[in-house]
Structures are given as C-alpha cells and as structure tokens.
Amino acid sequence: MLSEKGKYASATENRRFVWAEVIWPLILELNDVAFTLKQYQKKRDEVCMKKNVDVSITSRGLVSLMQKEILRKENHLYSIHYRLIPYMRLKADCDYGTAIHEVRIK
C-alpha cells in the first residue's frame, strides 16, 4: 500500500489486506468455502470505498493469495484451502498468518 516498501513487503501487505478485509469476512458472511468473482468484487468495492483504498491493490492481493495456494480457482469459483474449512465452520478469526501456516503444513 505504501510505495516506499520493497516489492516483497508490498505483496505481503496486499495479501494480508485482501485476506483480512475482503476474503475472510466474505467467507464468514456467505458461510461457504467458495465465492464467485462477482461476490468478491462487490465485497472488495465496499471495503475499498469504506477504507479509501485503491482497487488495484486488491486485485494484486487476490492473485498473490492464489499463488500462495490459500485460494484456489476452479472455473468461476474461488475457494479457500481445505485446511481452513474448520475455521470457517467455527466462525473463528483466521488471520493471514494462521492461513499461511495452515496451508504450508503438509
């Protein structure tokens, strides 16, 4: 979000923001492991307007979350990694650190 940061720090910050402010709240709101691009965009636009954040940051964050395998895209649906489903069912707080840790455990 701040341009003074290095490329990797910015990517991590974008991922963290998108996960914490858009993806995880959307998952809990829908009470589902998957969401459509349209649902994501609606939530993203609400968050960006409310927090006065440029939408381009969130699109980079979304792609980055897929590269880290926290999110998966199949056809027109995005879904969370299967190891994050218990957090959703419990409606637990699942921050980015927890998500990346769960996905990295094999």
PDB file of N, CA and C in Angstrom:
ATOM      1  N   MET A   1       0.810  -1.175   0.000  1.00  0.00           N
ATOM      2  CA  MET A   1       0.000   0.000   0.000  1.00  0.00           C
ATOM      3  C   MET A   1       0.866   1.257   0.000  1.00  0.00           C
ATOM      4  N   LEU A   2       2.001   1.194   0.631  1.00  0.00           N
ATOM      5  CA  LEU A   2       2.925   2.316   0.605  1.00  0.00           C
ATOM      6  C   LEU A   2       4.025   1.995  -0.391  1.00  0.00           C
ATOM      7  N   SER A   3       4.292   2.912  -1.281  1.00  0.00           N
ATOM      8  CA  SER A   3       5.232   2.637  -2.364  1.00  0.00           C
ATOM      9  C   SER A   3       6.688   2.585  -1.919  1.00  0.00           C
ATOM     10  N   GLU A   4       7.023   3.074  -0.702  1.00  0.00           N
ATOM     11  CA  GLU A   4       8.406   3.045  -0.249  1.00  0.00           C
ATOM     12  C   GLU A   4       8.871   1.631   0.074  1.00  0.00           C
ATOM     13  N   LYS A   5       7.938   0.720   0.271  1.00  0.00           N
ATOM     14  CA  LYS A   5       8.303  -0.648   0.629  1.00  0.00           C
ATOM     15  C   LYS A   5       8.861  -1.390  -0.576  1.00  0.00           C
ATOM     16  N   GLY A   6       9.600  -2.435  -0.282  1.00  0.00           N
ATOM     17  CA  GLY A   6      10.119  -3.273  -1.348  1.00  0.00           C
ATOM     18  C   GLY A   6       9.009  -4.090  -1.979  1.00  0.00           C
ATOM     19  N   LYS A   7       9.321  -4.709  -3.096  1.00  0.00           N
ATOM     20  CA  LYS A   7       8.341  -5.491  -3.847  1.00  0.00           C
ATOM     21  C   LYS A   7       7.712  -6.596  -2.999  1.00  0.00           C
ATOM     22  N   TYR A   8       8.516  -7.334  -2.245  1.00  0.00           N
ATOM     23  CA  TYR A   8       8.002  -8.454  -1.471  1.00  0.00           C
ATOM     24  C   TYR A   8       7.182  -7.994  -0.275  1.00  0.00           C
ATOM     25  N   ALA A   9       7.619  -6.920   0.369  1.00  0.00           N
ATOM     26  CA  ALA A   9       6.863  -6.372   1.503  1.00  0.00           C
ATOM     27  C   ALA A   9       5.505  -5.867   1.034  1.00  0.00           C
ATOM     28  N   SER A  10       5.465  -5.231  -0.111  1.00  0.00           N
ATOM     29  CA  SER A  10       4.195  -4.737  -0.660  1.00  0.00           C
ATOM     30  C   SER A  10       3.263  -5.890  -1.004  1.00  0.00           C
ATOM     31  N   ALA A  11       3.810  -6.936  -1.595  1.00  0.00           N
ATOM     32  CA  ALA A  11       2.990  -8.097  -1.957  1.00  0.00           C
ATOM     33  C   ALA A  11       2.391  -8.735  -0.709  1.00  0.00           C
ATOM     34  N   THR A  12       3.193  -8.866   0.329  1.00  0.00           N
ATOM     35  CA  THR A  12       2.701  -9.448   1.584  1.00  0.00           C
ATOM     36  C   THR A  12       1.635  -8.563   2.198  1.00  0.00           C
ATOM     37  N   GLU A  13       1.857  -7.267   2.179  1.00  0.00           N
ATOM     38  CA  GLU A  13       0.884  -6.331   2.734  1.00  0.00           C
ATOM     39  C   GLU A  13      -0.428  -6.391   1.949  1.00  0.00           C
ATOM     40  N   ASN A  14      -0.348  -6.484   0.628  1.00  0.00           N
ATOM     41  CA  ASN A  14      -1.555  -6.603  -0.203  1.00  0.00           C
ATOM     42  C   ASN A  14      -2.315  -7.879   0.124  1.00  0.00           C
ATOM     43  N   ARG A  15      -1.576  -8.985   0.249  1.00  0.00           N
ATOM     44  CA  ARG A  15      -2.204 -10.264   0.592  1.00  0.00           C
ATOM     45  C   ARG A  15      -2.891 -10.181   1.940  1.00  0.00           C
ATOM     46  N   ARG A  16      -2.185  -9.647   2.916  1.00  0.00           N
ATOM     47  CA  ARG A  16      -2.750  -9.525   4.263  1.00  0.00           C
ATOM     48  C   ARG A  16      -4.022  -8.685   4.263  1.00  0.00           C
ATOM     49  N   PHE A  17      -3.985  -7.570   3.554  1.00  0.00           N
ATOM     50  CA  PHE A  17      -5.143  -6.675   3.495  1.00  0.00           C
ATOM     51  C   PHE A  17      -6.340  -7.376   2.849  1.00  0.00           C
ATOM     52  N   VAL A  18      -6.110  -7.981   1.695  1.00  0.00           N
ATOM     53  CA  VAL A  18      -7.197  -8.644   0.968  1.00  0.00           C
ATOM     54  C   VAL A  18      -7.766  -9.796   1.794  1.00  0.00           C
ATOM     55  N   TRP A  19      -6.887 -10.562   2.433  1.00  0.00           N
ATOM     56  CA  TRP A  19      -7.348 -11.683   3.249  1.00  0.00           C
ATOM     57  C   TRP A  19      -8.181 -11.176   4.426  1.00  0.00           C
ATOM     58  N   ALA A  20      -7.637 -10.235   5.181  1.00  0.00           N
ATOM     59  CA  ALA A  20      -8.278  -9.766   6.423  1.00  0.00           C
ATOM     60  C   ALA A  20      -9.528  -8.928   6.193  1.00  0.00           C
ATOM     61  N   GLU A  21      -9.520  -8.127   5.138  1.00  0.00           N
ATOM     62  CA  GLU A  21     -10.603  -7.169   4.944  1.00  0.00           C
ATOM     63  C   GLU A  21     -11.666  -7.620   3.937  1.00  0.00           C
ATOM     64  N   VAL A  22     -11.275  -8.490   3.022  1.00  0.00           N
ATOM     65  CA  VAL A  22     -12.220  -8.877   1.958  1.00  0.00           C
ATOM     66  C   VAL A  22     -12.551 -10.373   2.002  1.00  0.00           C
ATOM     67  N   ILE A  23     -11.562 -11.219   1.807  1.00  0.00           N
ATOM     68  CA  ILE A  23     -11.808 -12.656   1.637  1.00  0.00           C
ATOM     69  C   ILE A  23     -12.412 -13.308   2.880  1.00  0.00           C
ATOM     70  N   TRP A  24     -11.706 -13.214   4.020  1.00  0.00           N
ATOM     71  CA  TRP A  24     -12.207 -13.920   5.202  1.00  0.00           C
ATOM     72  C   TRP A  24     -13.572 -13.394   5.658  1.00  0.00           C
ATOM     73  N   PRO A  25     -13.787 -12.077   5.711  1.00  0.00           N
ATOM     74  CA  PRO A  25     -15.138 -11.599   6.059  1.00  0.00           C
ATOM     75  C   PRO A  25     -16.202 -12.089   5.067  1.00  0.00           C
ATOM     76  N   LEU A  26     -15.841 -12.172   3.779  1.00  0.00           N
ATOM     77  CA  LEU A  26     -16.781 -12.661   2.765  1.00  0.00           C
ATOM     78  C   LEU A  26     -17.112 -14.138   3.005  1.00  0.00           C
ATOM     79  N   ILE A  27     -16.097 -14.936   3.302  1.00  0.00           N
ATOM     80  CA  ILE A  27     -16.300 -16.370   3.583  1.00  0.00           C
ATOM     81  C   ILE A  27     -17.255 -16.533   4.766  1.00  0.00           C
ATOM     82  N   LEU A  28     -17.017 -15.775   5.828  1.00  0.00           N
ATOM     83  CA  LEU A  28     -17.868 -15.869   7.018  1.00  0.00           C
ATOM     84  C   LEU A  28     -19.283 -15.371   6.730  1.00  0.00           C
ATOM     85  N   GLU A  29     -19.377 -14.320   5.948  1.00  0.00           N
ATOM     86  CA  GLU A  29     -20.677 -13.751   5.573  1.00  0.00           C
ATOM     87  C   GLU A  29     -21.503 -14.759   4.769  1.00  0.00           C
ATOM     88  N   LEU A  30     -20.854 -15.397   3.795  1.00  0.00           N
ATOM     89  CA  LEU A  30     -21.542 -16.370   2.937  1.00  0.00           C
ATOM     90  C   LEU A  30     -21.733 -17.714   3.642  1.00  0.00           C
ATOM     91  N   ASN A  31     -20.911 -17.955   4.656  1.00  0.00           N
ATOM     92  CA  ASN A  31     -20.872 -19.250   5.347  1.00  0.00           C
ATOM     93  C   ASN A  31     -20.670 -20.379   4.329  1.00  0.00           C
ATOM     94  N   ASP A  32     -19.717 -20.167   3.463  1.00  0.00           N
ATOM     95  CA  ASP A  32     -19.410 -21.119   2.396  1.00  0.00           C
ATOM     96  C   ASP A  32     -17.915 -21.074   2.121  1.00  0.00           C
ATOM     97  N   VAL A  33     -17.369 -22.179   1.624  1.00  0.00           N
ATOM     98  CA  VAL A  33     -15.934 -22.251   1.340  1.00  0.00           C
ATOM     99  C   VAL A  33     -15.586 -21.592   0.008  1.00  0.00           C
ATOM    100  N   ALA A  34     -16.603 -21.273  -0.787  1.00  0.00           N
ATOM    101  CA  ALA A  34     -16.359 -20.734  -2.120  1.00  0.00           C
ATOM    102  C   ALA A  34     -17.171 -19.461  -2.370  1.00  0.00           C
ATOM    103  N   PHE A  35     -16.672 -18.684  -3.322  1.00  0.00           N
ATOM    104  CA  PHE A  35     -17.364 -17.456  -3.712  1.00  0.00           C
ATOM    105  C   PHE A  35     -17.092 -17.187  -5.186  1.00  0.00           C
ATOM    106  N   THR A  36     -17.959 -16.399  -5.792  1.00  0.00           N
ATOM    107  CA  THR A  36     -17.791 -16.045  -7.204  1.00  0.00           C
ATOM    108  C   THR A  36     -16.989 -14.752  -7.309  1.00  0.00           C
ATOM    109  N   LEU A  37     -16.512 -14.488  -8.496  1.00  0.00           N
ATOM    110  CA  LEU A  37     -15.792 -13.249  -8.744  1.00  0.00           C
ATOM    111  C   LEU A  37     -16.707 -12.047  -8.470  1.00  0.00           C
ATOM    112  N   LYS A  38     -17.964 -12.176  -8.852  1.00  0.00           N
ATOM    113  CA  LYS A  38     -18.924 -11.093  -8.643  1.00  0.00           C
ATOM    114  C   LYS A  38     -19.114 -10.803  -7.147  1.00  0.00           C
ATOM    115  N   GLN A  39     -19.207 -11.853  -6.332  1.00  0.00           N
ATOM    116  CA  GLN A  39     -19.341 -11.675  -4.880  1.00  0.00           C
ATOM    117  C   GLN A  39     -18.089 -11.014  -4.307  1.00  0.00           C
ATOM    118  N   TYR A  40     -16.935 -11.448  -4.787  1.00  0.00           N
ATOM    119  CA  TYR A  40     -15.667 -10.860  -4.350  1.00  0.00           C
ATOM    120  C   TYR A  40     -15.615  -9.377  -4.702  1.00  0.00           C
ATOM    121  N   GLN A  41     -15.967  -9.059  -5.947  1.00  0.00           N
ATOM    122  CA  GLN A  41     -15.900  -7.670  -6.410  1.00  0.00           C
ATOM    123  C   GLN A  41     -16.823  -6.753  -5.622  1.00  0.00           C
ATOM    124  N   LYS A  42     -17.999  -7.254  -5.294  1.00  0.00           N
ATOM    125  CA  LYS A  42     -18.948  -6.461  -4.511  1.00  0.00           C
ATOM    126  C   LYS A  42     -18.367  -6.152  -3.131  1.00  0.00           C
ATOM    127  N   LYS A  43     -17.845  -7.167  -2.469  1.00  0.00           N
ATOM    128  CA  LYS A  43     -17.253  -7.001  -1.140  1.00  0.00           C
ATOM    129  C   LYS A  43     -16.023  -6.095  -1.224  1.00  0.00           C
ATOM    130  N   ARG A  44     -15.188  -6.334  -2.224  1.00  0.00           N
ATOM    131  CA  ARG A  44     -13.973  -5.546  -2.420  1.00  0.00           C
ATOM    132  C   ARG A  44     -14.304  -4.070  -2.598  1.00  0.00           C
ATOM    133  N   ASP A  45     -15.296  -3.788  -3.442  1.00  0.00           N
ATOM    134  CA  ASP A  45     -15.686  -2.395  -3.697  1.00  0.00           C
ATOM    135  C   ASP A  45     -16.181  -1.718  -2.427  1.00  0.00           C
ATOM    136  N   GLU A  46     -16.963  -2.454  -1.627  1.00  0.00           N
ATOM    137  CA  GLU A  46     -17.452  -1.903  -0.350  1.00  0.00           C
ATOM    138  C   GLU A  46     -16.276  -1.554   0.564  1.00  0.00           C
ATOM    139  N   VAL A  47     -15.342  -2.482   0.689  1.00  0.00           N
ATOM    140  CA  VAL A  47     -14.191  -2.292   1.575  1.00  0.00           C
ATOM    141  C   VAL A  47     -13.313  -1.145   1.078  1.00  0.00           C
ATOM    142  N   CYS A  48     -13.053  -1.119  -0.221  1.00  0.00           N
ATOM    143  CA  CYS A  48     -12.189  -0.075  -0.787  1.00  0.00           C
ATOM    144  C   CYS A  48     -12.799   1.313  -0.590  1.00  0.00           C
ATOM    145  N   MET A  49     -14.107   1.406  -0.766  1.00  0.00           N
ATOM    146  CA  MET A  49     -14.771   2.692  -0.583  1.00  0.00           C
ATOM    147  C   MET A  49     -14.709   3.110   0.887  1.00  0.00           C
ATOM    148  N   LYS A  50     -15.002   2.166   1.762  1.00  0.00           N
ATOM    149  CA  LYS A  50     -15.024   2.436   3.196  1.00  0.00           C
ATOM    150  C   LYS A  50     -13.631   2.821   3.731  1.00  0.00           C
ATOM    151  N   LYS A  51     -12.597   2.134   3.247  1.00  0.00           N
ATOM    152  CA  LYS A  51     -11.233   2.334   3.754  1.00  0.00           C
ATOM    153  C   LYS A  51     -10.397   3.254   2.869  1.00  0.00           C
ATOM    154  N   ASN A  52     -11.006   3.750   1.789  1.00  0.00           N
ATOM    155  CA  ASN A  52     -10.329   4.649   0.854  1.00  0.00           C
ATOM    156  C   ASN A  52      -9.028   4.033   0.314  1.00  0.00           C
ATOM    157  N   VAL A  53      -9.169   2.836  -0.249  1.00  0.00           N
ATOM    158  CA  VAL A  53      -8.036   2.081  -0.791  1.00  0.00           C
ATOM    159  C   VAL A  53      -8.252   1.866  -2.284  1.00  0.00           C
ATOM    160  N   ASP A  54      -7.177   1.934  -3.056  1.00  0.00           N
ATOM    161  CA  ASP A  54      -7.240   1.723  -4.496  1.00  0.00           C
ATOM    162  C   ASP A  54      -7.560   0.255  -4.801  1.00  0.00           C
ATOM    163  N   VAL A  55      -8.503   0.043  -5.689  1.00  0.00           N
ATOM    164  CA  VAL A  55      -8.948  -1.304  -6.067  1.00  0.00           C
ATOM    165  C   VAL A  55      -7.808  -2.131  -6.664  1.00  0.00           C
ATOM    166  N   SER A  56      -6.864  -1.505  -7.348  1.00  0.00           N
ATOM    167  CA  SER A  56      -5.769  -2.251  -7.982  1.00  0.00           C
ATOM    168  C   SER A  56      -4.944  -3.028  -6.956  1.00  0.00           C
ATOM    169  N   ILE A  57      -4.854  -2.520  -5.749  1.00  0.00           N
ATOM    170  CA  ILE A  57      -4.115  -3.211  -4.686  1.00  0.00           C
ATOM    171  C   ILE A  57      -4.779  -4.549  -4.370  1.00  0.00           C
ATOM    172  N   THR A  58      -6.089  -4.551  -4.346  1.00  0.00           N
ATOM    173  CA  THR A  58      -6.801  -5.778  -4.004  1.00  0.00           C
ATOM    174  C   THR A  58      -6.698  -6.823  -5.097  1.00  0.00           C
ATOM    175  N   SER A  59      -6.639  -6.414  -6.350  1.00  0.00           N
ATOM    176  CA  SER A  59      -6.532  -7.414  -7.419  1.00  0.00           C
ATOM    177  C   SER A  59      -5.172  -8.100  -7.358  1.00  0.00           C
ATOM    178  N   ARG A  60      -4.135  -7.343  -7.052  1.00  0.00           N
ATOM    179  CA  ARG A  60      -2.805  -7.963  -6.896  1.00  0.00           C
ATOM    180  C   ARG A  60      -2.818  -8.899  -5.688  1.00  0.00           C
ATOM    181  N   GLY A  61      -3.516  -8.505  -4.644  1.00  0.00           N
ATOM    182  CA  GLY A  61      -3.608  -9.337  -3.446  1.00  0.00           C
ATOM    183  C   GLY A  61      -4.315 -10.650  -3.710  1.00  0.00           C
ATOM    184  N   LEU A  62      -5.384 -10.605  -4.506  1.00  0.00           N
ATOM    185  CA  LEU A  62      -6.142 -11.811  -4.842  1.00  0.00           C
ATOM    186  C   LEU A  62      -5.260 -12.798  -5.600  1.00  0.00           C
ATOM    187  N   VAL A  63      -4.556 -12.322  -6.599  1.00  0.00           N
ATOM    188  CA  VAL A  63      -3.667 -13.176  -7.394  1.00  0.00           C
ATOM    189  C   VAL A  63      -2.574 -13.764  -6.505  1.00  0.00           C
ATOM    190  N   SER A  64      -2.040 -12.944  -5.636  1.00  0.00           N
ATOM    191  CA  SER A  64      -0.988 -13.372  -4.733  1.00  0.00           C
ATOM    192  C   SER A  64      -1.472 -14.471  -3.777  1.00  0.00           C
ATOM    193  N   LEU A  65      -2.704 -14.364  -3.301  1.00  0.00           N
ATOM    194  CA  LEU A  65      -3.272 -15.404  -2.431  1.00  0.00           C
ATOM    195  C   LEU A  65      -3.416 -16.725  -3.173  1.00  0.00           C
ATOM    196  N   MET A  66      -3.700 -16.654  -4.470  1.00  0.00           N
ATOM    197  CA  MET A  66      -3.780 -17.889  -5.267  1.00  0.00           C
ATOM    198  C   MET A  66      -2.387 -18.485  -5.455  1.00  0.00           C
ATOM    199  N   GLN A  67      -1.387 -17.639  -5.653  1.00  0.00           N
ATOM    200  CA  GLN A  67      -0.016 -18.131  -5.805  1.00  0.00           C
ATOM    201  C   GLN A  67       0.468 -18.814  -4.534  1.00  0.00           C
ATOM    202  N   LYS A  68       0.025 -18.335  -3.389  1.00  0.00           N
ATOM    203  CA  LYS A  68       0.397 -18.932  -2.098  1.00  0.00           C
ATOM    204  C   LYS A  68      -0.482 -20.133  -1.759  1.00  0.00           C
ATOM    205  N   GLU A  69      -1.423 -20.454  -2.635  1.00  0.00           N
ATOM    206  CA  GLU A  69      -2.325 -21.610  -2.506  1.00  0.00           C
ATOM    207  C   GLU A  69      -3.306 -21.505  -1.333  1.00  0.00           C
ATOM    208  N   ILE A  70      -3.517 -20.292  -0.843  1.00  0.00           N
ATOM    209  CA  ILE A  70      -4.532 -20.080   0.186  1.00  0.00           C
ATOM    210  C   ILE A  70      -5.902 -20.097  -0.494  1.00  0.00           C
ATOM    211  N   LEU A  71      -5.934 -19.572  -1.711  1.00  0.00           N
ATOM    212  CA  LEU A  71      -7.145 -19.601  -2.533  1.00  0.00           C
ATOM    213  C   LEU A  71      -6.889 -20.442  -3.761  1.00  0.00           C
ATOM    214  N   ARG A  72      -7.959 -21.013  -4.259  1.00  0.00           N
ATOM    215  CA  ARG A  72      -7.893 -21.832  -5.462  1.00  0.00           C
ATOM    216  C   ARG A  72      -9.025 -21.398  -6.396  1.00  0.00           C
ATOM    217  N   LYS A  73      -8.753 -21.389  -7.676  1.00  0.00           N
ATOM    218  CA  LYS A  73      -9.787 -21.016  -8.628  1.00  0.00           C
ATOM    219  C   LYS A  73     -10.108 -22.198  -9.521  1.00  0.00           C
ATOM    220  N   GLU A  74     -11.392 -22.525  -9.586  1.00  0.00           N
ATOM    221  CA  GLU A  74     -11.872 -23.571 -10.488  1.00  0.00           C
ATOM    222  C   GLU A  74     -13.066 -23.025 -11.234  1.00  0.00           C
ATOM    223  N   ASN A  75     -12.963 -22.989 -12.532  1.00  0.00           N
ATOM    224  CA  ASN A  75     -13.997 -22.398 -13.378  1.00  0.00           C
ATOM    225  C   ASN A  75     -14.284 -20.971 -12.918  1.00  0.00           C
ATOM    226  N   HIS A  76     -15.478 -20.726 -12.404  1.00  0.00           N
ATOM    227  CA  HIS A  76     -15.834 -19.365 -11.999  1.00  0.00           C
ATOM    228  C   HIS A  76     -15.908 -19.209 -10.488  1.00  0.00           C
ATOM    229  N   LEU A  77     -15.383 -20.197  -9.765  1.00  0.00           N
ATOM    230  CA  LEU A  77     -15.437 -20.145  -8.309  1.00  0.00           C
ATOM    231  C   LEU A  77     -14.046 -20.090  -7.692  1.00  0.00           C
ATOM    232  N   TYR A  78     -13.927 -19.295  -6.665  1.00  0.00           N
ATOM    233  CA  TYR A  78     -12.717 -19.255  -5.845  1.00  0.00           C
ATOM    234  C   TYR A  78     -13.059 -19.984  -4.560  1.00  0.00           C
ATOM    235  N   SER A  79     -12.137 -20.768  -4.051  1.00  0.00           N
ATOM    236  CA  SER A  79     -12.402 -21.463  -2.791  1.00  0.00           C
ATOM    237  C   SER A  79     -11.180 -21.388  -1.891  1.00  0.00           C
ATOM    238  N   ILE A  80     -11.427 -21.519  -0.591  1.00  0.00           N
ATOM    239  CA  ILE A  80     -10.328 -21.490   0.365  1.00  0.00           C
ATOM    240  C   ILE A  80      -9.706 -22.875   0.448  1.00  0.00           C
ATOM    241  N   HIS A  81      -8.477 -22.932   0.893  1.00  0.00           N
ATOM    242  CA  HIS A  81      -7.761 -24.196   1.084  1.00  0.00           C
ATOM    243  C   HIS A  81      -8.551 -25.062   2.071  1.00  0.00           C
ATOM    244  N   TYR A  82      -8.579 -26.361   1.836  1.00  0.00           N
ATOM    245  CA  TYR A  82      -9.400 -27.260   2.665  1.00  0.00           C
ATOM    246  C   TYR A  82      -9.016 -27.220   4.149  1.00  0.00           C
ATOM    247  N   ARG A  83      -7.767 -26.888   4.459  1.00  0.00           N
ATOM    248  CA  ARG A  83      -7.351 -26.837   5.871  1.00  0.00           C
ATOM    249  C   ARG A  83      -7.931 -25.632   6.609  1.00  0.00           C
ATOM    250  N   LEU A  84      -8.533 -24.690   5.876  1.00  0.00           N
ATOM    251  CA  LEU A  84      -9.122 -23.508   6.506  1.00  0.00           C
ATOM    252  C   LEU A  84     -10.622 -23.680   6.774  1.00  0.00           C
ATOM    253  N   ILE A  85     -11.190 -24.762   6.269  1.00  0.00           N
ATOM    254  CA  ILE A  85     -12.630 -25.009   6.428  1.00  0.00           C
ATOM    255  C   ILE A  85     -13.053 -25.100   7.900  1.00  0.00           C
ATOM    256  N   PRO A  86     -12.291 -25.778   8.766  1.00  0.00           N
ATOM    257  CA  PRO A  86     -12.709 -25.813  10.186  1.00  0.00           C
ATOM    258  C   PRO A  86     -12.834 -24.419  10.820  1.00  0.00           C
ATOM    259  N   TYR A  87     -11.958 -23.493  10.421  1.00  0.00           N
ATOM    260  CA  TYR A  87     -12.038 -22.119  10.939  1.00  0.00           C
ATOM    261  C   TYR A  87     -13.354 -21.465  10.504  1.00  0.00           C
ATOM    262  N   MET A  88     -13.730 -21.720   9.250  1.00  0.00           N
ATOM    263  CA  MET A  88     -14.982 -21.165   8.729  1.00  0.00           C
ATOM    264  C   MET A  88     -16.178 -21.735   9.485  1.00  0.00           C
ATOM    265  N   ARG A  89     -16.157 -23.047   9.689  1.00  0.00           N
ATOM    266  CA  ARG A  89     -17.281 -23.700  10.384  1.00  0.00           C
ATOM    267  C   ARG A  89     -17.442 -23.185  11.805  1.00  0.00           C
ATOM    268  N   LEU A  90     -16.323 -22.875  12.453  1.00  0.00           N
ATOM    269  CA  LEU A  90     -16.362 -22.343  13.818  1.00  0.00           C
ATOM    270  C   LEU A  90     -16.580 -20.831  13.847  1.00  0.00           C
ATOM    271  N   LYS A  91     -16.616 -20.227  12.659  1.00  0.00           N
ATOM    272  CA  LYS A  91     -16.692 -18.771  12.525  1.00  0.00           C
ATOM    273  C   LYS A  91     -15.563 -18.101  13.310  1.00  0.00           C
ATOM    274  N   ALA A  92     -14.407 -18.759  13.284  1.00  0.00           N
ATOM    275  CA  ALA A  92     -13.233 -18.286  14.020  1.00  0.00           C
ATOM    276  C   ALA A  92     -12.494 -17.215  13.231  1.00  0.00           C
ATOM    277  N   ASP A  93     -11.748 -16.418  13.955  1.00  0.00           N
ATOM    278  CA  ASP A  93     -10.893 -15.438  13.299  1.00  0.00           C
ATOM    279  C   ASP A  93      -9.722 -16.199  12.684  1.00  0.00           C
ATOM    280  N   CYS A  94      -9.498 -15.994  11.427  1.00  0.00           N
ATOM    281  CA  CYS A  94      -8.396 -16.667  10.741  1.00  0.00           C
ATOM    282  C   CYS A  94      -7.587 -15.590  10.032  1.00  0.00           C
ATOM    283  N   ASP A  95      -6.578 -15.090  10.716  1.00  0.00           N
ATOM    284  CA  ASP A  95      -5.768 -14.039  10.106  1.00  0.00           C
ATOM    285  C   ASP A  95      -4.836 -14.636   9.054  1.00  0.00           C
ATOM    286  N   TYR A  96      -4.148 -13.772   8.341  1.00  0.00           N
ATOM    287  CA  TYR A  96      -3.276 -14.221   7.261  1.00  0.00           C
ATOM    288  C   TYR A  96      -2.183 -15.159   7.779  1.00  0.00           C
ATOM    289  N   GLY A  97      -1.602 -14.839   8.930  1.00  0.00           N
ATOM    290  CA  GLY A  97      -0.547 -15.682   9.496  1.00  0.00           C
ATOM    291  C   GLY A  97      -1.027 -17.102   9.749  1.00  0.00           C
ATOM    292  N   THR A  98      -2.236 -17.217  10.297  1.00  0.00           N
ATOM    293  CA  THR A  98      -2.826 -18.539  10.551  1.00  0.00           C
ATOM    294  C   THR A  98      -3.081 -19.253   9.228  1.00  0.00           C
ATOM    295  N   ALA A  99      -3.633 -18.534   8.267  1.00  0.00           N
ATOM    296  CA  ALA A  99      -3.961 -19.133   6.962  1.00  0.00           C
ATOM    297  C   ALA A  99      -2.708 -19.668   6.269  1.00  0.00           C
ATOM    298  N   ILE A 100      -1.662 -18.869   6.216  1.00  0.00           N
ATOM    299  CA  ILE A 100      -0.444 -19.297   5.517  1.00  0.00           C
ATOM    300  C   ILE A 100       0.203 -20.464   6.270  1.00  0.00           C
ATOM    301  N   HIS A 101       0.138 -20.451   7.581  1.00  0.00           N
ATOM    302  CA  HIS A 101       0.687 -21.549   8.383  1.00  0.00           C
ATOM    303  C   HIS A 101      -0.064 -22.857   8.105  1.00  0.00           C
ATOM    304  N   GLU A 102      -1.386 -22.801   8.102  1.00  0.00           N
ATOM    305  CA  GLU A 102      -2.198 -23.993   7.848  1.00  0.00           C
ATOM    306  C   GLU A 102      -1.952 -24.566   6.459  1.00  0.00           C
ATOM    307  N   VAL A 103      -1.820 -23.707   5.476  1.00  0.00           N
ATOM    308  CA  VAL A 103      -1.630 -24.142   4.092  1.00  0.00           C
ATOM    309  C   VAL A 103      -0.238 -24.756   3.907  1.00  0.00           C
ATOM    310  N   ARG A 104       0.734 -24.248   4.627  1.00  0.00           N
ATOM    311  CA  ARG A 104       2.118 -24.732   4.499  1.00  0.00           C
ATOM    312  C   ARG A 104       2.353 -26.074   5.171  1.00  0.00           C
ATOM    313  N   ILE A 105       1.500 -26.460   6.117  1.00  0.00           N
ATOM    314  CA  ILE A 105       1.648 -27.747   6.783  1.00  0.00           C
ATOM    315  C   ILE A 105       1.193 -28.839   5.817  1.00  0.00           C
ATOM    316  N   LYS A 106       2.060 -29.759   5.542  1.00  0.00           N
ATOM    317  CA  LYS A 106       1.704 -30.822   4.587  1.00  0.00           C
ATOM    318  C   LYS A 106       1.574 -32.131   5.307  1.00  0.00           C
TER     319      LYS A 106
END
